[in-house]
N, C-alpha and C. Protein backbone atom coordinates (compact mmCIF):
# COMPACT_ATOMS: atom_id res chain seq x y z
N MET A 1 0.82 -1.19 0.00
CA MET A 1 0.00 0.00 0.00
C MET A 1 0.86 1.26 0.00
N ALA A 2 1.88 1.32 0.89
CA ALA A 2 2.66 2.54 1.04
C ALA A 2 3.36 2.93 -0.26
N GLY A 3 3.95 1.94 -0.97
CA GLY A 3 4.62 2.25 -2.23
C GLY A 3 3.66 2.81 -3.25
N GLY A 4 2.41 2.30 -3.26
CA GLY A 4 1.40 2.79 -4.18
C GLY A 4 1.02 4.23 -3.91
N VAL A 5 0.99 4.59 -2.62
CA VAL A 5 0.66 5.97 -2.24
C VAL A 5 1.72 6.91 -2.81
N ALA A 6 2.99 6.56 -2.67
CA ALA A 6 4.07 7.40 -3.19
C ALA A 6 3.97 7.52 -4.71
N GLU A 7 3.64 6.45 -5.38
CA GLU A 7 3.55 6.47 -6.84
C GLU A 7 2.39 7.34 -7.33
N THR A 8 1.30 7.39 -6.57
CA THR A 8 0.16 8.18 -7.01
C THR A 8 0.48 9.68 -6.99
N ILE A 9 1.39 10.10 -6.15
CA ILE A 9 1.70 11.53 -6.03
C ILE A 9 3.00 11.89 -6.76
N ARG A 10 3.74 10.89 -7.24
CA ARG A 10 5.05 11.10 -7.88
C ARG A 10 5.00 12.14 -9.01
N ALA A 11 4.11 11.98 -9.97
CA ALA A 11 4.07 12.86 -11.14
C ALA A 11 3.78 14.31 -10.74
N VAL A 12 2.92 14.49 -9.76
CA VAL A 12 2.56 15.84 -9.32
C VAL A 12 3.77 16.51 -8.66
N ILE A 13 4.49 15.75 -7.84
CA ILE A 13 5.68 16.30 -7.17
C ILE A 13 6.77 16.57 -8.20
N GLU A 14 6.98 15.66 -9.16
CA GLU A 14 7.99 15.88 -10.21
C GLU A 14 7.71 17.17 -10.96
N ALA A 15 6.47 17.40 -11.32
CA ALA A 15 6.11 18.61 -12.06
C ALA A 15 6.37 19.86 -11.22
N LYS A 16 6.03 19.81 -9.94
CA LYS A 16 6.25 20.97 -9.06
C LYS A 16 7.74 21.26 -8.91
N LEU A 17 8.55 20.23 -8.74
CA LEU A 17 9.99 20.42 -8.59
C LEU A 17 10.61 20.97 -9.88
N ALA A 18 10.12 20.50 -11.02
CA ALA A 18 10.65 20.96 -12.32
C ALA A 18 10.47 22.46 -12.48
N GLU A 19 9.41 23.02 -11.91
CA GLU A 19 9.20 24.47 -11.97
C GLU A 19 10.37 25.24 -11.34
N SER A 20 11.04 24.62 -10.38
CA SER A 20 12.18 25.25 -9.70
C SER A 20 13.51 24.74 -10.23
N GLY A 21 13.49 23.96 -11.31
CA GLY A 21 14.72 23.42 -11.88
C GLY A 21 15.30 22.26 -11.08
N LEU A 22 14.46 21.60 -10.30
CA LEU A 22 14.90 20.47 -9.48
C LEU A 22 14.35 19.16 -10.03
N GLU A 23 14.97 18.07 -9.61
CA GLU A 23 14.56 16.73 -10.05
C GLU A 23 14.15 15.91 -8.85
N LEU A 24 13.19 15.01 -9.04
CA LEU A 24 12.82 14.05 -8.01
C LEU A 24 13.77 12.87 -8.14
N PHE A 25 14.57 12.64 -7.11
CA PHE A 25 15.53 11.54 -7.11
C PHE A 25 14.87 10.25 -6.61
N ASP A 26 14.07 10.39 -5.55
CA ASP A 26 13.42 9.22 -4.97
C ASP A 26 12.23 9.69 -4.13
N ILE A 27 11.27 8.81 -3.97
CA ILE A 27 10.12 9.10 -3.11
C ILE A 27 9.71 7.80 -2.43
N ARG A 28 9.49 7.88 -1.12
CA ARG A 28 9.06 6.70 -0.36
C ARG A 28 8.02 7.13 0.65
N PHE A 29 7.02 6.29 0.85
CA PHE A 29 6.01 6.49 1.87
C PHE A 29 6.03 5.25 2.74
N PHE A 30 6.35 5.42 4.03
CA PHE A 30 6.52 4.26 4.91
C PHE A 30 6.12 4.61 6.34
N GLN A 31 5.94 3.59 7.13
CA GLN A 31 5.57 3.76 8.53
C GLN A 31 6.84 3.84 9.36
N ALA A 32 6.94 4.87 10.21
CA ALA A 32 8.07 5.02 11.13
C ALA A 32 7.49 5.29 12.51
N GLY A 33 7.37 4.26 13.31
CA GLY A 33 6.72 4.42 14.59
C GLY A 33 5.24 4.63 14.39
N PRO A 34 4.67 5.56 15.14
CA PRO A 34 3.22 5.75 15.07
C PRO A 34 2.74 6.57 13.87
N ARG A 35 3.66 7.21 13.16
CA ARG A 35 3.24 8.13 12.11
C ARG A 35 3.87 7.74 10.76
N PRO A 36 3.09 7.81 9.68
CA PRO A 36 3.65 7.58 8.35
C PRO A 36 4.59 8.72 7.96
N VAL A 37 5.57 8.40 7.12
CA VAL A 37 6.55 9.38 6.64
C VAL A 37 6.55 9.36 5.12
N LEU A 38 6.49 10.55 4.52
CA LEU A 38 6.69 10.70 3.09
C LEU A 38 8.08 11.30 2.92
N ARG A 39 9.02 10.52 2.42
CA ARG A 39 10.39 10.98 2.23
C ARG A 39 10.61 11.29 0.75
N VAL A 40 10.90 12.55 0.46
CA VAL A 40 11.13 13.03 -0.90
C VAL A 40 12.60 13.43 -1.00
N THR A 41 13.31 12.81 -1.92
CA THR A 41 14.72 13.13 -2.13
C THR A 41 14.83 13.87 -3.45
N ILE A 42 15.43 15.07 -3.39
CA ILE A 42 15.51 15.94 -4.57
C ILE A 42 16.96 16.09 -5.00
N ASP A 43 17.14 16.48 -6.26
CA ASP A 43 18.49 16.64 -6.80
C ASP A 43 18.47 17.67 -7.91
N SER A 44 19.66 18.07 -8.32
CA SER A 44 19.84 18.91 -9.50
C SER A 44 21.27 18.72 -9.96
N PRO A 45 21.57 19.02 -11.22
CA PRO A 45 22.94 18.84 -11.71
C PRO A 45 23.97 19.64 -10.90
N ALA A 46 23.56 20.76 -10.31
CA ALA A 46 24.48 21.59 -9.53
C ALA A 46 24.52 21.18 -8.06
N GLY A 47 23.75 20.17 -7.67
CA GLY A 47 23.66 19.81 -6.27
C GLY A 47 22.51 20.55 -5.60
N ILE A 48 22.30 20.28 -4.33
CA ILE A 48 21.16 20.84 -3.60
C ILE A 48 21.65 21.58 -2.36
N THR A 49 21.08 22.74 -2.14
CA THR A 49 21.40 23.51 -0.94
C THR A 49 20.31 23.30 0.11
N ILE A 50 20.61 23.69 1.33
CA ILE A 50 19.62 23.60 2.40
C ILE A 50 18.42 24.50 2.07
N GLY A 51 18.70 25.67 1.52
CA GLY A 51 17.62 26.59 1.13
C GLY A 51 16.69 25.97 0.09
N GLU A 52 17.27 25.23 -0.87
CA GLU A 52 16.43 24.56 -1.88
C GLU A 52 15.58 23.47 -1.24
N CYS A 53 16.15 22.75 -0.28
CA CYS A 53 15.37 21.72 0.43
C CYS A 53 14.21 22.37 1.18
N GLU A 54 14.48 23.50 1.83
CA GLU A 54 13.45 24.20 2.58
C GLU A 54 12.33 24.69 1.66
N LYS A 55 12.70 25.30 0.54
CA LYS A 55 11.70 25.80 -0.40
C LYS A 55 10.89 24.65 -0.99
N ALA A 56 11.59 23.57 -1.38
CA ALA A 56 10.90 22.41 -1.94
C ALA A 56 9.95 21.81 -0.91
N SER A 57 10.37 21.75 0.34
CA SER A 57 9.52 21.21 1.40
C SER A 57 8.24 22.04 1.53
N ASN A 58 8.38 23.36 1.54
CA ASN A 58 7.21 24.24 1.63
C ASN A 58 6.29 24.07 0.42
N ASP A 59 6.89 24.05 -0.78
CA ASP A 59 6.10 23.89 -2.01
C ASP A 59 5.37 22.55 -2.04
N ILE A 60 6.08 21.49 -1.67
CA ILE A 60 5.47 20.15 -1.69
C ILE A 60 4.38 20.05 -0.64
N SER A 61 4.62 20.62 0.53
CA SER A 61 3.61 20.58 1.60
C SER A 61 2.30 21.23 1.15
N ILE A 62 2.41 22.40 0.54
CA ILE A 62 1.21 23.08 0.03
C ILE A 62 0.55 22.24 -1.06
N LEU A 63 1.35 21.71 -1.96
CA LEU A 63 0.83 20.87 -3.03
C LEU A 63 0.08 19.66 -2.49
N LEU A 64 0.65 19.01 -1.49
CA LEU A 64 0.01 17.82 -0.92
C LEU A 64 -1.30 18.17 -0.22
N ASP A 65 -1.34 19.36 0.39
CA ASP A 65 -2.60 19.80 1.01
C ASP A 65 -3.67 20.02 -0.07
N VAL A 66 -3.29 20.67 -1.17
CA VAL A 66 -4.22 20.92 -2.26
C VAL A 66 -4.69 19.60 -2.88
N GLU A 67 -3.76 18.67 -3.05
CA GLU A 67 -4.09 17.36 -3.65
C GLU A 67 -4.82 16.44 -2.67
N ASP A 68 -4.95 16.88 -1.40
CA ASP A 68 -5.57 16.07 -0.36
C ASP A 68 -4.89 14.70 -0.28
N PHE A 69 -3.57 14.76 -0.19
CA PHE A 69 -2.72 13.57 -0.22
C PHE A 69 -3.08 12.54 0.86
N SER A 70 -3.30 12.99 2.06
CA SER A 70 -3.55 12.08 3.18
C SER A 70 -4.75 12.56 3.98
N PRO A 71 -5.94 12.44 3.42
CA PRO A 71 -7.13 13.01 4.07
C PRO A 71 -7.35 12.43 5.48
N GLY A 72 -7.36 13.33 6.45
CA GLY A 72 -7.65 12.92 7.82
C GLY A 72 -6.53 12.20 8.53
N ARG A 73 -5.41 11.95 7.86
CA ARG A 73 -4.28 11.25 8.49
C ARG A 73 -3.08 12.18 8.57
N ARG A 74 -2.46 12.21 9.72
CA ARG A 74 -1.25 13.01 9.89
C ARG A 74 -0.06 12.20 9.39
N TYR A 75 0.91 12.89 8.82
CA TYR A 75 2.13 12.24 8.34
C TYR A 75 3.26 13.25 8.45
N THR A 76 4.47 12.76 8.35
CA THR A 76 5.66 13.61 8.38
C THR A 76 6.23 13.69 6.97
N LEU A 77 6.51 14.91 6.51
CA LEU A 77 7.14 15.13 5.21
C LEU A 77 8.62 15.41 5.45
N GLU A 78 9.48 14.64 4.80
CA GLU A 78 10.93 14.86 4.86
C GLU A 78 11.42 15.15 3.45
N VAL A 79 12.15 16.24 3.28
CA VAL A 79 12.74 16.57 1.98
C VAL A 79 14.25 16.72 2.18
N SER A 80 15.03 16.00 1.37
CA SER A 80 16.48 16.06 1.50
C SER A 80 17.14 15.80 0.15
N SER A 81 18.46 15.92 0.13
CA SER A 81 19.23 15.59 -1.07
C SER A 81 19.74 14.16 -0.92
N PRO A 82 20.17 13.54 -2.02
CA PRO A 82 20.66 12.17 -1.92
C PRO A 82 22.03 12.07 -1.24
N GLY A 83 22.72 13.19 -1.07
CA GLY A 83 24.01 13.16 -0.38
C GLY A 83 25.17 12.81 -1.30
N ILE A 84 26.35 12.89 -0.74
CA ILE A 84 27.56 12.70 -1.52
C ILE A 84 27.73 11.25 -1.99
N ASP A 85 27.25 10.29 -1.21
CA ASP A 85 27.41 8.88 -1.62
C ASP A 85 26.08 8.31 -2.10
N ARG A 86 25.40 9.11 -2.90
CA ARG A 86 24.09 8.75 -3.43
C ARG A 86 24.15 7.42 -4.19
N PRO A 87 23.11 6.64 -4.08
CA PRO A 87 23.05 5.42 -4.88
C PRO A 87 22.80 5.79 -6.35
N LEU A 88 23.36 5.02 -7.23
CA LEU A 88 23.16 5.21 -8.67
C LEU A 88 22.10 4.21 -9.12
N LYS A 89 21.03 4.73 -9.72
CA LYS A 89 19.90 3.87 -10.07
C LYS A 89 19.53 3.91 -11.53
N THR A 90 19.62 5.07 -12.15
CA THR A 90 19.08 5.24 -13.49
C THR A 90 20.17 5.63 -14.49
N GLU A 91 19.80 5.58 -15.77
CA GLU A 91 20.73 6.05 -16.81
C GLU A 91 21.18 7.47 -16.53
N ARG A 92 20.23 8.31 -16.12
CA ARG A 92 20.54 9.70 -15.82
C ARG A 92 21.63 9.81 -14.75
N ASP A 93 21.54 8.95 -13.72
CA ASP A 93 22.54 8.97 -12.65
C ASP A 93 23.93 8.65 -13.19
N TYR A 94 24.02 7.62 -14.02
CA TYR A 94 25.32 7.22 -14.56
C TYR A 94 25.85 8.22 -15.57
N LYS A 95 24.97 8.79 -16.38
CA LYS A 95 25.40 9.80 -17.36
C LYS A 95 25.98 11.02 -16.64
N ARG A 96 25.39 11.36 -15.52
CA ARG A 96 25.82 12.53 -14.76
C ARG A 96 27.26 12.38 -14.26
N ILE A 97 27.71 11.16 -14.06
CA ILE A 97 29.06 10.96 -13.51
C ILE A 97 30.01 10.33 -14.53
N ALA A 98 29.77 10.60 -15.80
CA ALA A 98 30.67 10.09 -16.85
C ALA A 98 32.11 10.46 -16.52
N ASP A 99 33.03 9.56 -16.78
CA ASP A 99 34.46 9.69 -16.52
C ASP A 99 34.83 9.59 -15.04
N HIS A 100 33.87 9.23 -14.20
CA HIS A 100 34.15 9.04 -12.78
C HIS A 100 34.23 7.54 -12.48
N ILE A 101 34.84 7.20 -11.36
CA ILE A 101 34.97 5.81 -10.95
C ILE A 101 33.74 5.39 -10.15
N VAL A 102 33.25 4.19 -10.45
CA VAL A 102 32.10 3.63 -9.73
C VAL A 102 32.46 2.27 -9.16
N VAL A 103 31.75 1.91 -8.09
CA VAL A 103 31.83 0.56 -7.53
C VAL A 103 30.43 -0.02 -7.68
N LEU A 104 30.37 -1.16 -8.35
CA LEU A 104 29.09 -1.79 -8.67
C LEU A 104 28.97 -3.13 -7.95
N GLN A 105 27.84 -3.34 -7.33
CA GLN A 105 27.51 -4.65 -6.76
C GLN A 105 26.58 -5.31 -7.77
N MET A 106 27.05 -6.40 -8.31
CA MET A 106 26.29 -7.06 -9.36
C MET A 106 25.25 -8.01 -8.76
N GLY A 107 24.15 -8.15 -9.48
CA GLY A 107 23.06 -9.01 -9.03
C GLY A 107 23.34 -10.47 -9.33
N ARG A 108 22.40 -11.29 -8.96
CA ARG A 108 22.53 -12.74 -9.15
C ARG A 108 22.62 -13.15 -10.61
N THR A 109 22.06 -12.33 -11.50
CA THR A 109 22.04 -12.70 -12.91
C THR A 109 23.37 -12.44 -13.61
N TYR A 110 24.33 -11.80 -12.92
CA TYR A 110 25.61 -11.48 -13.56
C TYR A 110 26.64 -12.55 -13.22
N PRO A 111 27.21 -13.20 -14.25
CA PRO A 111 28.22 -14.23 -13.99
C PRO A 111 29.58 -13.59 -13.66
N GLY A 112 30.34 -14.26 -12.83
CA GLY A 112 31.68 -13.76 -12.51
C GLY A 112 31.72 -13.00 -11.21
N LYS A 113 32.50 -11.94 -11.19
CA LYS A 113 32.70 -11.15 -9.97
C LYS A 113 31.40 -10.50 -9.51
N LYS A 114 31.25 -10.39 -8.21
CA LYS A 114 30.06 -9.75 -7.64
C LYS A 114 30.29 -8.26 -7.42
N THR A 115 31.55 -7.82 -7.32
CA THR A 115 31.87 -6.41 -7.16
C THR A 115 32.80 -5.99 -8.29
N LEU A 116 32.43 -4.92 -8.98
CA LEU A 116 33.24 -4.39 -10.07
C LEU A 116 33.56 -2.93 -9.78
N ARG A 117 34.75 -2.52 -10.19
CA ARG A 117 35.17 -1.12 -10.04
C ARG A 117 35.70 -0.66 -11.38
N GLY A 118 35.19 0.48 -11.86
CA GLY A 118 35.65 0.96 -13.14
C GLY A 118 35.21 2.39 -13.40
N LYS A 119 35.66 2.93 -14.53
CA LYS A 119 35.32 4.30 -14.92
C LYS A 119 34.12 4.26 -15.86
N VAL A 120 33.15 5.12 -15.59
CA VAL A 120 31.95 5.21 -16.44
C VAL A 120 32.35 5.82 -17.77
N VAL A 121 32.07 5.09 -18.85
CA VAL A 121 32.34 5.56 -20.21
C VAL A 121 31.07 6.15 -20.80
N GLY A 122 29.93 5.53 -20.51
CA GLY A 122 28.66 6.01 -21.02
C GLY A 122 27.53 5.13 -20.54
N CYS A 123 26.31 5.59 -20.78
CA CYS A 123 25.13 4.82 -20.40
C CYS A 123 23.99 5.20 -21.33
N ALA A 124 23.42 4.21 -22.00
CA ALA A 124 22.30 4.44 -22.90
C ALA A 124 21.56 3.12 -23.13
N ASP A 125 20.28 3.24 -23.39
CA ASP A 125 19.44 2.09 -23.73
C ASP A 125 19.53 0.97 -22.70
N GLY A 126 19.62 1.35 -21.42
CA GLY A 126 19.65 0.35 -20.35
C GLY A 126 20.97 -0.37 -20.18
N VAL A 127 22.04 0.16 -20.79
CA VAL A 127 23.35 -0.49 -20.71
C VAL A 127 24.39 0.51 -20.24
N LEU A 128 25.13 0.13 -19.20
CA LEU A 128 26.23 0.94 -18.68
C LEU A 128 27.53 0.45 -19.31
N ARG A 129 28.30 1.40 -19.86
CA ARG A 129 29.61 1.07 -20.41
C ARG A 129 30.67 1.58 -19.45
N CYS A 130 31.52 0.66 -18.98
CA CYS A 130 32.56 0.98 -18.01
C CYS A 130 33.91 0.47 -18.50
N GLU A 131 34.93 1.21 -18.18
CA GLU A 131 36.30 0.75 -18.43
C GLU A 131 36.78 0.08 -17.15
N ILE A 132 36.98 -1.23 -17.25
CA ILE A 132 37.41 -2.04 -16.10
C ILE A 132 38.70 -2.75 -16.48
N ASP A 133 39.76 -2.50 -15.73
CA ASP A 133 41.06 -3.11 -16.00
C ASP A 133 41.50 -2.91 -17.44
N GLY A 134 41.31 -1.68 -17.96
CA GLY A 134 41.75 -1.34 -19.30
C GLY A 134 40.86 -1.82 -20.43
N GLU A 135 39.76 -2.47 -20.11
CA GLU A 135 38.85 -2.99 -21.12
C GLU A 135 37.46 -2.38 -20.92
N THR A 136 36.82 -1.99 -22.03
CA THR A 136 35.46 -1.45 -21.94
C THR A 136 34.47 -2.60 -21.97
N VAL A 137 33.62 -2.65 -20.93
CA VAL A 137 32.61 -3.70 -20.83
C VAL A 137 31.23 -3.07 -20.81
N GLU A 138 30.26 -3.81 -21.29
CA GLU A 138 28.88 -3.36 -21.28
C GLU A 138 28.10 -4.17 -20.26
N LEU A 139 27.42 -3.45 -19.36
CA LEU A 139 26.69 -4.09 -18.28
C LEU A 139 25.23 -3.64 -18.32
N PRO A 140 24.30 -4.55 -18.49
CA PRO A 140 22.88 -4.16 -18.44
C PRO A 140 22.56 -3.60 -17.05
N LEU A 141 21.88 -2.47 -17.01
CA LEU A 141 21.51 -1.90 -15.71
C LEU A 141 20.72 -2.90 -14.88
N SER A 142 19.96 -3.74 -15.53
CA SER A 142 19.15 -4.74 -14.82
C SER A 142 20.02 -5.76 -14.08
N SER A 143 21.30 -5.88 -14.44
CA SER A 143 22.19 -6.83 -13.76
C SER A 143 22.93 -6.19 -12.59
N ILE A 144 22.75 -4.88 -12.37
CA ILE A 144 23.44 -4.17 -11.30
C ILE A 144 22.51 -4.06 -10.10
N ALA A 145 22.92 -4.68 -8.98
CA ALA A 145 22.12 -4.61 -7.75
C ALA A 145 22.22 -3.23 -7.13
N SER A 146 23.43 -2.66 -7.11
CA SER A 146 23.61 -1.30 -6.59
C SER A 146 24.90 -0.72 -7.14
N GLY A 147 24.93 0.60 -7.23
CA GLY A 147 26.12 1.29 -7.70
C GLY A 147 26.33 2.57 -6.92
N LYS A 148 27.60 2.90 -6.70
CA LYS A 148 27.95 4.16 -6.02
C LYS A 148 29.20 4.71 -6.66
N GLU A 149 29.24 6.03 -6.72
CA GLU A 149 30.45 6.69 -7.20
C GLU A 149 31.52 6.57 -6.12
N GLU A 150 32.73 6.26 -6.54
CA GLU A 150 33.84 6.22 -5.60
C GLU A 150 34.34 7.66 -5.43
N ILE A 151 34.24 8.16 -4.24
CA ILE A 151 34.61 9.55 -3.98
C ILE A 151 36.13 9.66 -3.95
N GLN A 152 36.64 10.59 -4.74
CA GLN A 152 38.09 10.82 -4.86
C GLN A 152 38.44 12.11 -4.11
N PHE A 153 39.31 12.01 -3.14
CA PHE A 153 39.78 13.20 -2.43
C PHE A 153 41.14 13.56 -2.95
N LYS A 154 41.34 14.86 -3.20
CA LYS A 154 42.63 15.29 -3.75
C LYS A 154 43.50 15.88 -2.68
């Protein structure tokens, strides 16, 4: 039920965020103790500031009231950024970090190593291209259980 609730409001929140040049990274509706929580994670190519989170929270709160998101039920709205070690989920995520190093946890359907580390070469049509050990390999996104950018400190 909770996942369905988040999906019913997803398009409306995406449209509202787009007006401010922001993207919906993730949305979850779940029970946390006695009160349900709607967690909205926002992003933009330039990153997210605290002020943008605050504005988005206010805009989304008003929008949810207008849409009568949770009639008669109290809930907590949380708006945040995905953070520096954000999970990589979509083509857009991988395209955004082209030429960066990623660590991939491969799913059960991928033969061989379960953890791969390489440089993102490109991502299109559901396939991630990575340079691993000097060789470019193509990995279906559906075979990747999770991915994260390896943070490089200089």
